[in-house]
Amino acid sequence: MPPRYRYEQIADDLAKRIASGEFPPGSKLPSRRELIERYEVTEPVIDRAMQVLRIKGMTETLPGVGVFVAE
């Protein structure tokens, strides 16, 4: 199996946490800064992981408010 990019690992981890109910539908995900600190990565890595979740339809972004789990 080829190595995976860090953003893919983070997106998978967050997707599992959403699926497990840790972040139920309608809940707000941790802030970008909190995710950067938790995963020890740079801002572009978190942005890419958030993009993956948004493309999969798992999250919705409200500019200036945050990222929420899709209903």
PDB file of N, CA and C in Angstrom:
ATOM      1  N   MET A   1       0.852  -1.186   0.000  1.00  0.00           N
ATOM      2  CA  MET A   1       0.000   0.000   0.000  1.00  0.00           C
ATOM      3  C   MET A   1       0.890   1.238   0.000  1.00  0.00           C
ATOM      4  N   PRO A   2       0.637   2.175  -0.914  1.00  0.00           N
ATOM      5  CA  PRO A   2       1.488   3.370  -0.982  1.00  0.00           C
ATOM      6  C   PRO A   2       1.289   4.267   0.239  1.00  0.00           C
ATOM      7  N   PRO A   3       2.310   5.051   0.571  1.00  0.00           N
ATOM      8  CA  PRO A   3       2.155   5.974   1.705  1.00  0.00           C
ATOM      9  C   PRO A   3       1.045   6.983   1.410  1.00  0.00           C
ATOM     10  N   ARG A   4       0.396   7.435   2.473  1.00  0.00           N
ATOM     11  CA  ARG A   4      -0.706   8.380   2.315  1.00  0.00           C
ATOM     12  C   ARG A   4      -0.287   9.757   2.781  1.00  0.00           C
ATOM     13  N   TYR A   5      -0.846  10.752   2.123  1.00  0.00           N
ATOM     14  CA  TYR A   5      -0.570  12.123   2.527  1.00  0.00           C
ATOM     15  C   TYR A   5      -1.167  12.386   3.899  1.00  0.00           C
ATOM     16  N   ARG A   6      -0.555  13.286   4.631  1.00  0.00           N
ATOM     17  CA  ARG A   6      -1.011  13.606   5.992  1.00  0.00           C
ATOM     18  C   ARG A   6      -2.453  14.134   5.977  1.00  0.00           C
ATOM     19  N   TYR A   7      -2.790  14.954   4.979  1.00  0.00           N
ATOM     20  CA  TYR A   7      -4.157  15.494   4.935  1.00  0.00           C
ATOM     21  C   TYR A   7      -5.188  14.372   4.778  1.00  0.00           C
ATOM     22  N   GLU A   8      -4.829  13.292   4.063  1.00  0.00           N
ATOM     23  CA  GLU A   8      -5.736  12.162   3.910  1.00  0.00           C
ATOM     24  C   GLU A   8      -5.927  11.437   5.239  1.00  0.00           C
ATOM     25  N   GLN A   9      -4.844  11.298   5.982  1.00  0.00           N
ATOM     26  CA  GLN A   9      -4.926  10.655   7.295  1.00  0.00           C
ATOM     27  C   GLN A   9      -5.814  11.462   8.235  1.00  0.00           C
ATOM     28  N   ILE A  10      -5.653  12.783   8.199  1.00  0.00           N
ATOM     29  CA  ILE A  10      -6.454  13.653   9.067  1.00  0.00           C
ATOM     30  C   ILE A  10      -7.923  13.609   8.654  1.00  0.00           C
ATOM     31  N   ALA A  11      -8.196  13.677   7.354  1.00  0.00           N
ATOM     32  CA  ALA A  11      -9.577  13.612   6.871  1.00  0.00           C
ATOM     33  C   ALA A  11     -10.216  12.290   7.281  1.00  0.00           C
ATOM     34  N   ASP A  12      -9.470  11.183   7.163  1.00  0.00           N
ATOM     35  CA  ASP A  12      -9.995   9.876   7.569  1.00  0.00           C
ATOM     36  C   ASP A  12     -10.276   9.835   9.064  1.00  0.00           C
ATOM     37  N   ASP A  13      -9.364  10.393   9.855  1.00  0.00           N
ATOM     38  CA  ASP A  13      -9.559  10.401  11.305  1.00  0.00           C
ATOM     39  C   ASP A  13     -10.808  11.197  11.675  1.00  0.00           C
ATOM     40  N   LEU A  14     -10.959  12.369  11.087  1.00  0.00           N
ATOM     41  CA  LEU A  14     -12.134  13.191  11.379  1.00  0.00           C
ATOM     42  C   LEU A  14     -13.410  12.503  10.892  1.00  0.00           C
ATOM     43  N   ALA A  15     -13.345  11.838   9.735  1.00  0.00           N
ATOM     44  CA  ALA A  15     -14.521  11.123   9.218  1.00  0.00           C
ATOM     45  C   ALA A  15     -14.928  10.002  10.176  1.00  0.00           C
ATOM     46  N   LYS A  16     -13.957   9.295  10.719  1.00  0.00           N
ATOM     47  CA  LYS A  16     -14.252   8.227  11.689  1.00  0.00           C
ATOM     48  C   LYS A  16     -14.872   8.812  12.953  1.00  0.00           C
ATOM     49  N   ARG A  17     -14.357   9.959  13.376  1.00  0.00           N
ATOM     50  CA  ARG A  17     -14.895  10.591  14.584  1.00  0.00           C
ATOM     51  C   ARG A  17     -16.323  11.088  14.355  1.00  0.00           C
ATOM     52  N   ILE A  18     -16.606  11.547  13.139  1.00  0.00           N
ATOM     53  CA  ILE A  18     -17.975  11.963  12.792  1.00  0.00           C
ATOM     54  C   ILE A  18     -18.885  10.734  12.780  1.00  0.00           C
ATOM     55  N   ALA A  19     -18.429   9.657  12.121  1.00  0.00           N
ATOM     56  CA  ALA A  19     -19.230   8.432  12.016  1.00  0.00           C
ATOM     57  C   ALA A  19     -19.514   7.802  13.382  1.00  0.00           C
ATOM     58  N   SER A  20     -18.560   7.950  14.306  1.00  0.00           N
ATOM     59  CA  SER A  20     -18.735   7.346  15.637  1.00  0.00           C
ATOM     60  C   SER A  20     -19.698   8.142  16.516  1.00  0.00           C
ATOM     61  N   GLY A  21     -20.038   9.358  16.070  1.00  0.00           N
ATOM     62  CA  GLY A  21     -20.932  10.188  16.868  1.00  0.00           C
ATOM     63  C   GLY A  21     -20.221  11.170  17.773  1.00  0.00           C
ATOM     64  N   GLU A  22     -18.889  11.158  17.738  1.00  0.00           N
ATOM     65  CA  GLU A  22     -18.142  12.136  18.543  1.00  0.00           C
ATOM     66  C   GLU A  22     -18.503  13.555  18.103  1.00  0.00           C
ATOM     67  N   PHE A  23     -18.704  13.726  16.794  1.00  0.00           N
ATOM     68  CA  PHE A  23     -19.184  14.993  16.238  1.00  0.00           C
ATOM     69  C   PHE A  23     -20.508  14.686  15.534  1.00  0.00           C
ATOM     70  N   PRO A  24     -21.638  14.833  16.242  1.00  0.00           N
ATOM     71  CA  PRO A  24     -22.947  14.505  15.640  1.00  0.00           C
ATOM     72  C   PRO A  24     -23.358  15.533  14.581  1.00  0.00           C
ATOM     73  N   PRO A  25     -24.343  15.177  13.742  1.00  0.00           N
ATOM     74  CA  PRO A  25     -24.827  16.118  12.727  1.00  0.00           C
ATOM     75  C   PRO A  25     -25.196  17.463  13.337  1.00  0.00           C
ATOM     76  N   GLY A  26     -24.770  18.516  12.670  1.00  0.00           N
ATOM     77  CA  GLY A  26     -25.056  19.868  13.128  1.00  0.00           C
ATOM     78  C   GLY A  26     -24.026  20.431  14.085  1.00  0.00           C
ATOM     79  N   SER A  27     -23.126  19.585  14.581  1.00  0.00           N
ATOM     80  CA  SER A  27     -22.125  20.083  15.531  1.00  0.00           C
ATOM     81  C   SER A  27     -20.970  20.764  14.800  1.00  0.00           C
ATOM     82  N   LYS A  28     -20.339  21.656  15.512  1.00  0.00           N
ATOM     83  CA  LYS A  28     -19.211  22.404  14.957  1.00  0.00           C
ATOM     84  C   LYS A  28     -17.916  21.634  15.209  1.00  0.00           C
ATOM     85  N   LEU A  29     -17.088  21.529  14.177  1.00  0.00           N
ATOM     86  CA  LEU A  29     -15.780  20.891  14.337  1.00  0.00           C
ATOM     87  C   LEU A  29     -14.840  21.847  15.062  1.00  0.00           C
ATOM     88  N   PRO A  30     -13.763  21.336  15.634  1.00  0.00           N
ATOM     89  CA  PRO A  30     -12.782  22.225  16.273  1.00  0.00           C
ATOM     90  C   PRO A  30     -12.265  23.260  15.269  1.00  0.00           C
ATOM     91  N   SER A  31     -11.793  24.371  15.793  1.00  0.00           N
ATOM     92  CA  SER A  31     -11.293  25.440  14.929  1.00  0.00           C
ATOM     93  C   SER A  31     -10.037  25.002  14.184  1.00  0.00           C
ATOM     94  N   ARG A  32      -9.710  25.721  13.142  1.00  0.00           N
ATOM     95  CA  ARG A  32      -8.492  25.440  12.372  1.00  0.00           C
ATOM     96  C   ARG A  32      -7.274  25.434  13.287  1.00  0.00           C
ATOM     97  N   ARG A  33      -7.197  26.403  14.175  1.00  0.00           N
ATOM     98  CA  ARG A  33      -6.044  26.487  15.092  1.00  0.00           C
ATOM     99  C   ARG A  33      -5.972  25.254  15.996  1.00  0.00           C
ATOM    100  N   GLU A  34      -7.123  24.833  16.522  1.00  0.00           N
ATOM    101  CA  GLU A  34      -7.154  23.637  17.383  1.00  0.00           C
ATOM    102  C   GLU A  34      -6.720  22.389  16.615  1.00  0.00           C
ATOM    103  N   LEU A  35      -7.165  22.279  15.363  1.00  0.00           N
ATOM    104  CA  LEU A  35      -6.779  21.122  14.553  1.00  0.00           C
ATOM    105  C   LEU A  35      -5.288  21.146  14.214  1.00  0.00           C
ATOM    106  N   ILE A  36      -4.752  22.327  13.946  1.00  0.00           N
ATOM    107  CA  ILE A  36      -3.316  22.468  13.673  1.00  0.00           C
ATOM    108  C   ILE A  36      -2.521  21.987  14.880  1.00  0.00           C
ATOM    109  N   GLU A  37      -2.934  22.386  16.068  1.00  0.00           N
ATOM    110  CA  GLU A  37      -2.235  21.980  17.291  1.00  0.00           C
ATOM    111  C   GLU A  37      -2.408  20.486  17.554  1.00  0.00           C
ATOM    112  N   ARG A  38      -3.620  19.966  17.364  1.00  0.00           N
ATOM    113  CA  ARG A  38      -3.889  18.551  17.638  1.00  0.00           C
ATOM    114  C   ARG A  38      -3.071  17.634  16.732  1.00  0.00           C
ATOM    115  N   TYR A  39      -3.061  17.950  15.442  1.00  0.00           N
ATOM    116  CA  TYR A  39      -2.395  17.074  14.473  1.00  0.00           C
ATOM    117  C   TYR A  39      -0.949  17.481  14.172  1.00  0.00           C
ATOM    118  N   GLU A  40      -0.530  18.605  14.742  1.00  0.00           N
ATOM    119  CA  GLU A  40       0.840  19.100  14.562  1.00  0.00           C
ATOM    120  C   GLU A  40       1.217  19.223  13.091  1.00  0.00           C
ATOM    121  N   VAL A  41       0.382  19.971  12.351  1.00  0.00           N
ATOM    122  CA  VAL A  41       0.608  20.205  10.928  1.00  0.00           C
ATOM    123  C   VAL A  41       0.425  21.688  10.628  1.00  0.00           C
ATOM    124  N   THR A  42       0.641  22.052   9.373  1.00  0.00           N
ATOM    125  CA  THR A  42       0.484  23.442   8.960  1.00  0.00           C
ATOM    126  C   THR A  42      -0.953  23.713   8.499  1.00  0.00           C
ATOM    127  N   GLU A  43      -1.278  24.976   8.367  1.00  0.00           N
ATOM    128  CA  GLU A  43      -2.619  25.391   7.972  1.00  0.00           C
ATOM    129  C   GLU A  43      -3.061  24.798   6.624  1.00  0.00           C
ATOM    130  N   PRO A  44      -2.204  24.800   5.592  1.00  0.00           N
ATOM    131  CA  PRO A  44      -2.644  24.215   4.316  1.00  0.00           C
ATOM    132  C   PRO A  44      -3.025  22.733   4.411  1.00  0.00           C
ATOM    133  N   VAL A  45      -2.394  21.992   5.302  1.00  0.00           N
ATOM    134  CA  VAL A  45      -2.721  20.575   5.477  1.00  0.00           C
ATOM    135  C   VAL A  45      -4.137  20.445   6.037  1.00  0.00           C
ATOM    136  N   ILE A  46      -4.477  21.253   7.030  1.00  0.00           N
ATOM    137  CA  ILE A  46      -5.829  21.227   7.604  1.00  0.00           C
ATOM    138  C   ILE A  46      -6.849  21.683   6.563  1.00  0.00           C
ATOM    139  N   ASP A  47      -6.513  22.722   5.811  1.00  0.00           N
ATOM    140  CA  ASP A  47      -7.437  23.210   4.785  1.00  0.00           C
ATOM    141  C   ASP A  47      -7.740  22.119   3.761  1.00  0.00           C
ATOM    142  N   ARG A  48      -6.723  21.363   3.384  1.00  0.00           N
ATOM    143  CA  ARG A  48      -6.913  20.287   2.402  1.00  0.00           C
ATOM    144  C   ARG A  48      -7.777  19.174   2.999  1.00  0.00           C
ATOM    145  N   ALA A  49      -7.545  18.831   4.257  1.00  0.00           N
ATOM    146  CA  ALA A  49      -8.361  17.805   4.912  1.00  0.00           C
ATOM    147  C   ALA A  49      -9.824  18.258   4.983  1.00  0.00           C
ATOM    148  N   MET A  50     -10.052  19.526   5.291  1.00  0.00           N
ATOM    149  CA  MET A  50     -11.413  20.059   5.354  1.00  0.00           C
ATOM    150  C   MET A  50     -12.066  20.024   3.974  1.00  0.00           C
ATOM    151  N   GLN A  51     -11.267  20.276   2.939  1.00  0.00           N
ATOM    152  CA  GLN A  51     -11.772  20.224   1.563  1.00  0.00           C
ATOM    153  C   GLN A  51     -12.242  18.808   1.220  1.00  0.00           C
ATOM    154  N   VAL A  52     -11.476  17.803   1.628  1.00  0.00           N
ATOM    155  CA  VAL A  52     -11.845  16.407   1.379  1.00  0.00           C
ATOM    156  C   VAL A  52     -13.194  16.099   2.040  1.00  0.00           C
ATOM    157  N   LEU A  53     -13.360  16.499   3.296  1.00  0.00           N
ATOM    158  CA  LEU A  53     -14.615  16.226   4.009  1.00  0.00           C
ATOM    159  C   LEU A  53     -15.792  16.952   3.348  1.00  0.00           C
ATOM    160  N   ARG A  54     -15.544  18.171   2.880  1.00  0.00           N
ATOM    161  CA  ARG A  54     -16.596  18.953   2.225  1.00  0.00           C
ATOM    162  C   ARG A  54     -17.001  18.278   0.902  1.00  0.00           C
ATOM    163  N   ILE A  55     -16.006  17.816   0.122  1.00  0.00           N
ATOM    164  CA  ILE A  55     -16.292  17.147  -1.150  1.00  0.00           C
ATOM    165  C   ILE A  55     -17.085  15.864  -0.928  1.00  0.00           C
ATOM    166  N   LYS A  56     -16.788  15.160   0.163  1.00  0.00           N
ATOM    167  CA  LYS A  56     -17.508  13.923   0.489  1.00  0.00           C
ATOM    168  C   LYS A  56     -18.909  14.202   1.022  1.00  0.00           C
ATOM    169  N   GLY A  57     -19.228  15.478   1.245  1.00  0.00           N
ATOM    170  CA  GLY A  57     -20.550  15.840   1.740  1.00  0.00           C
ATOM    171  C   GLY A  57     -20.722  15.648   3.237  1.00  0.00           C
ATOM    172  N   MET A  58     -19.609  15.489   3.950  1.00  0.00           N
ATOM    173  CA  MET A  58     -19.678  15.247   5.391  1.00  0.00           C
ATOM    174  C   MET A  58     -19.764  16.531   6.206  1.00  0.00           C
ATOM    175  N   THR A  59     -19.283  17.636   5.635  1.00  0.00           N
ATOM    176  CA  THR A  59     -19.278  18.905   6.367  1.00  0.00           C
ATOM    177  C   THR A  59     -19.796  20.034   5.492  1.00  0.00           C
ATOM    178  N   GLU A  60     -20.164  21.103   6.172  1.00  0.00           N
ATOM    179  CA  GLU A  60     -20.575  22.344   5.514  1.00  0.00           C
ATOM    180  C   GLU A  60     -19.818  23.472   6.177  1.00  0.00           C
ATOM    181  N   THR A  61     -19.333  24.402   5.373  1.00  0.00           N
ATOM    182  CA  THR A  61     -18.577  25.536   5.899  1.00  0.00           C
ATOM    183  C   THR A  61     -19.422  26.794   5.840  1.00  0.00           C
ATOM    184  N   LEU A  62     -19.496  27.495   6.959  1.00  0.00           N
ATOM    185  CA  LEU A  62     -20.139  28.799   6.995  1.00  0.00           C
ATOM    186  C   LEU A  62     -19.024  29.831   7.182  1.00  0.00           C
ATOM    187  N   PRO A  63     -18.711  30.589   6.132  1.00  0.00           N
ATOM    188  CA  PRO A  63     -17.599  31.542   6.214  1.00  0.00           C
ATOM    189  C   PRO A  63     -17.721  32.465   7.425  1.00  0.00           C
ATOM    190  N   GLY A  64     -16.629  32.560   8.158  1.00  0.00           N
ATOM    191  CA  GLY A  64     -16.595  33.424   9.331  1.00  0.00           C
ATOM    192  C   GLY A  64     -17.235  32.806  10.568  1.00  0.00           C
ATOM    193  N   VAL A  65     -17.826  31.618  10.414  1.00  0.00           N
ATOM    194  CA  VAL A  65     -18.504  30.975  11.545  1.00  0.00           C
ATOM    195  C   VAL A  65     -17.803  29.679  11.921  1.00  0.00           C
ATOM    196  N   GLY A  66     -17.584  28.797  10.918  1.00  0.00           N
ATOM    197  CA  GLY A  66     -16.896  27.541  11.198  1.00  0.00           C
ATOM    198  C   GLY A  66     -17.330  26.435  10.262  1.00  0.00           C
ATOM    199  N   VAL A  67     -16.829  25.245  10.578  1.00  0.00           N
ATOM    200  CA  VAL A  67     -17.149  24.049   9.796  1.00  0.00           C
ATOM    201  C   VAL A  67     -18.066  23.171  10.653  1.00  0.00           C
ATOM    202  N   PHE A  68     -19.175  22.749  10.053  1.00  0.00           N
ATOM    203  CA  PHE A  68     -20.175  21.976  10.771  1.00  0.00           C
ATOM    204  C   PHE A  68     -20.392  20.632  10.090  1.00  0.00           C
ATOM    205  N   VAL A  69     -20.756  19.630  10.895  1.00  0.00           N
ATOM    206  CA  VAL A  69     -21.070  18.313  10.358  1.00  0.00           C
ATOM    207  C   VAL A  69     -22.407  18.425   9.629  1.00  0.00           C
ATOM    208  N   ALA A  70     -22.451  17.884   8.422  1.00  0.00           N
ATOM    209  CA  ALA A  70     -23.677  17.952   7.607  1.00  0.00           C
ATOM    210  C   ALA A  70     -24.807  17.198   8.295  1.00  0.00           C
ATOM    211  N   GLU A  71     -25.993  17.711   8.142  1.00  0.00           N
ATOM    212  CA  GLU A  71     -27.198  17.096   8.746  1.00  0.00           C
ATOM    213  C   GLU A  71     -27.594  15.842   7.987  1.00  0.00           C
TER     214      GLU A  71
END
